[in-house]
Amino acid sequence: MGRHAEIVRALAMRAKAAKLKADGAALGDEGLKEEGRRRETAGRIAQAEAKAARRTARH
């Protein structure tokens, strides 16, 4: 997968996670909110790794 595609995938992961968190908050479901937090953290890590790989590939 290309570097740009990895960043886009990570952003999509974070967007889906934010929706889960919002849905959990709206429904009062702590489990759903927690799952959203976990996925958002995973997306944030994936995004940071993709950006770092992209930076090192350029230099």
N, C-alpha and C. Protein backbone atom coordinates (compact mmCIF):
# COMPACT_ATOMS: atom_id res chain seq x y z
N MET A 1 0.85 -1.16 0.00
CA MET A 1 0.00 0.00 0.00
C MET A 1 0.89 1.23 0.00
N GLY A 2 0.50 2.25 -0.74
CA GLY A 2 1.28 3.47 -0.79
C GLY A 2 1.21 4.25 0.51
N ARG A 3 2.17 5.11 0.68
CA ARG A 3 2.24 5.90 1.92
C ARG A 3 0.99 6.76 2.11
N HIS A 4 0.56 7.40 1.02
CA HIS A 4 -0.62 8.26 1.12
C HIS A 4 -1.87 7.44 1.46
N ALA A 5 -1.97 6.28 0.87
CA ALA A 5 -3.12 5.40 1.14
C ALA A 5 -3.14 4.96 2.60
N GLU A 6 -1.98 4.73 3.17
CA GLU A 6 -1.91 4.35 4.59
C GLU A 6 -2.42 5.48 5.48
N ILE A 7 -2.06 6.70 5.15
CA ILE A 7 -2.53 7.86 5.93
C ILE A 7 -4.04 8.00 5.80
N VAL A 8 -4.54 7.85 4.59
CA VAL A 8 -5.99 7.96 4.37
C VAL A 8 -6.73 6.87 5.13
N ARG A 9 -6.18 5.65 5.12
CA ARG A 9 -6.80 4.54 5.85
C ARG A 9 -6.84 4.84 7.35
N ALA A 10 -5.75 5.41 7.87
CA ALA A 10 -5.71 5.75 9.29
C ALA A 10 -6.72 6.84 9.62
N LEU A 11 -6.88 7.81 8.75
CA LEU A 11 -7.88 8.87 8.97
C LEU A 11 -9.29 8.29 8.96
N ALA A 12 -9.53 7.33 8.07
CA ALA A 12 -10.84 6.68 8.02
C ALA A 12 -11.10 5.90 9.31
N MET A 13 -10.06 5.24 9.82
CA MET A 13 -10.20 4.51 11.08
C MET A 13 -10.60 5.46 12.21
N ARG A 14 -9.93 6.62 12.24
CA ARG A 14 -10.23 7.59 13.29
C ARG A 14 -11.64 8.14 13.16
N ALA A 15 -12.10 8.36 11.92
CA ALA A 15 -13.46 8.89 11.70
C ALA A 15 -14.51 7.87 12.17
N LYS A 16 -14.29 6.60 11.85
CA LYS A 16 -15.23 5.56 12.29
C LYS A 16 -15.23 5.46 13.82
N ALA A 17 -14.06 5.61 14.41
CA ALA A 17 -13.95 5.54 15.87
C ALA A 17 -14.70 6.70 16.51
N ALA A 18 -14.58 7.88 15.92
CA ALA A 18 -15.27 9.05 16.47
C ALA A 18 -16.78 8.84 16.40
N LYS A 19 -17.25 8.21 15.33
CA LYS A 19 -18.68 7.93 15.22
C LYS A 19 -19.13 6.93 16.28
N LEU A 20 -18.31 5.91 16.53
CA LEU A 20 -18.64 4.95 17.58
C LEU A 20 -18.74 5.65 18.94
N LYS A 21 -17.77 6.51 19.22
CA LYS A 21 -17.79 7.24 20.49
C LYS A 21 -19.03 8.10 20.60
N ALA A 22 -19.37 8.80 19.53
CA ALA A 22 -20.55 9.66 19.54
C ALA A 22 -21.83 8.85 19.72
N ASP A 23 -21.92 7.73 19.01
CA ASP A 23 -23.09 6.86 19.15
C ASP A 23 -23.20 6.32 20.57
N GLY A 24 -22.06 5.93 21.13
CA GLY A 24 -22.05 5.43 22.51
C GLY A 24 -22.50 6.49 23.49
N ALA A 25 -22.06 7.72 23.27
CA ALA A 25 -22.47 8.82 24.15
C ALA A 25 -23.96 9.10 24.01
N ALA A 26 -24.45 9.08 22.77
CA ALA A 26 -25.86 9.35 22.54
C ALA A 26 -26.75 8.27 23.15
N LEU A 27 -26.28 7.03 23.09
CA LEU A 27 -27.08 5.92 23.60
C LEU A 27 -26.81 5.62 25.08
N GLY A 28 -25.78 6.27 25.62
CA GLY A 28 -25.41 5.99 27.01
C GLY A 28 -24.76 4.63 27.18
N ASP A 29 -24.11 4.16 26.13
CA ASP A 29 -23.49 2.84 26.13
C ASP A 29 -21.98 2.99 26.36
N GLU A 30 -21.53 2.69 27.56
CA GLU A 30 -20.12 2.85 27.90
C GLU A 30 -19.23 1.90 27.10
N GLY A 31 -19.71 0.71 26.81
CA GLY A 31 -18.93 -0.25 26.04
C GLY A 31 -18.64 0.25 24.63
N LEU A 32 -19.65 0.87 24.01
CA LEU A 32 -19.49 1.42 22.67
C LEU A 32 -18.52 2.60 22.68
N LYS A 33 -18.63 3.44 23.70
CA LYS A 33 -17.71 4.57 23.83
C LYS A 33 -16.28 4.09 24.01
N GLU A 34 -16.09 3.06 24.82
CA GLU A 34 -14.75 2.52 25.05
C GLU A 34 -14.16 1.93 23.78
N GLU A 35 -14.99 1.21 23.03
CA GLU A 35 -14.53 0.65 21.76
C GLU A 35 -14.11 1.77 20.81
N GLY A 36 -14.86 2.85 20.78
CA GLY A 36 -14.50 4.01 19.96
C GLY A 36 -13.17 4.61 20.39
N ARG A 37 -12.94 4.68 21.70
CA ARG A 37 -11.67 5.22 22.20
C ARG A 37 -10.50 4.33 21.79
N ARG A 38 -10.68 3.01 21.91
CA ARG A 38 -9.62 2.07 21.53
C ARG A 38 -9.29 2.19 20.04
N ARG A 39 -10.34 2.24 19.22
CA ARG A 39 -10.12 2.34 17.78
C ARG A 39 -9.50 3.68 17.40
N GLU A 40 -9.90 4.73 18.09
CA GLU A 40 -9.33 6.05 17.80
C GLU A 40 -7.84 6.06 18.13
N THR A 41 -7.47 5.45 19.23
CA THR A 41 -6.06 5.36 19.60
C THR A 41 -5.29 4.56 18.56
N ALA A 42 -5.86 3.45 18.11
CA ALA A 42 -5.21 2.64 17.08
C ALA A 42 -5.06 3.43 15.78
N GLY A 43 -6.07 4.19 15.42
CA GLY A 43 -6.00 5.02 14.22
C GLY A 43 -4.97 6.11 14.34
N ARG A 44 -4.87 6.70 15.52
CA ARG A 44 -3.89 7.76 15.76
C ARG A 44 -2.47 7.20 15.64
N ILE A 45 -2.26 6.01 16.18
CA ILE A 45 -0.94 5.37 16.09
C ILE A 45 -0.62 5.02 14.64
N ALA A 46 -1.59 4.46 13.92
CA ALA A 46 -1.37 4.10 12.52
C ALA A 46 -1.06 5.34 11.69
N GLN A 47 -1.75 6.43 11.97
CA GLN A 47 -1.50 7.67 11.23
C GLN A 47 -0.09 8.19 11.52
N ALA A 48 0.31 8.17 12.76
CA ALA A 48 1.65 8.66 13.12
C ALA A 48 2.73 7.79 12.47
N GLU A 49 2.53 6.48 12.47
CA GLU A 49 3.50 5.59 11.85
C GLU A 49 3.59 5.82 10.34
N ALA A 50 2.44 6.02 9.70
CA ALA A 50 2.43 6.25 8.25
C ALA A 50 3.13 7.57 7.92
N LYS A 51 2.88 8.59 8.72
CA LYS A 51 3.53 9.88 8.48
C LYS A 51 5.04 9.77 8.70
N ALA A 52 5.45 9.05 9.72
CA ALA A 52 6.88 8.88 9.99
C ALA A 52 7.54 8.11 8.85
N ALA A 53 6.89 7.08 8.36
CA ALA A 53 7.45 6.30 7.26
C ALA A 53 7.55 7.16 6.01
N ARG A 54 6.59 8.01 5.82
CA ARG A 54 6.60 8.89 4.64
C ARG A 54 7.74 9.90 4.74
N ARG A 55 7.95 10.43 5.95
CA ARG A 55 9.04 11.40 6.14
C ARG A 55 10.40 10.76 5.92
N THR A 56 10.59 9.57 6.46
CA THR A 56 11.89 8.90 6.32
C THR A 56 12.12 8.44 4.88
N ALA A 57 11.08 8.15 4.15
CA ALA A 57 11.23 7.72 2.75
C ALA A 57 11.69 8.88 1.87
N ARG A 58 11.34 10.10 2.26
CA ARG A 58 11.74 11.26 1.46
C ARG A 58 13.18 11.64 1.68
N HIS A 59 13.74 11.31 2.83
CA HIS A 59 15.11 11.75 3.16
C HIS A 59 16.12 10.68 2.96
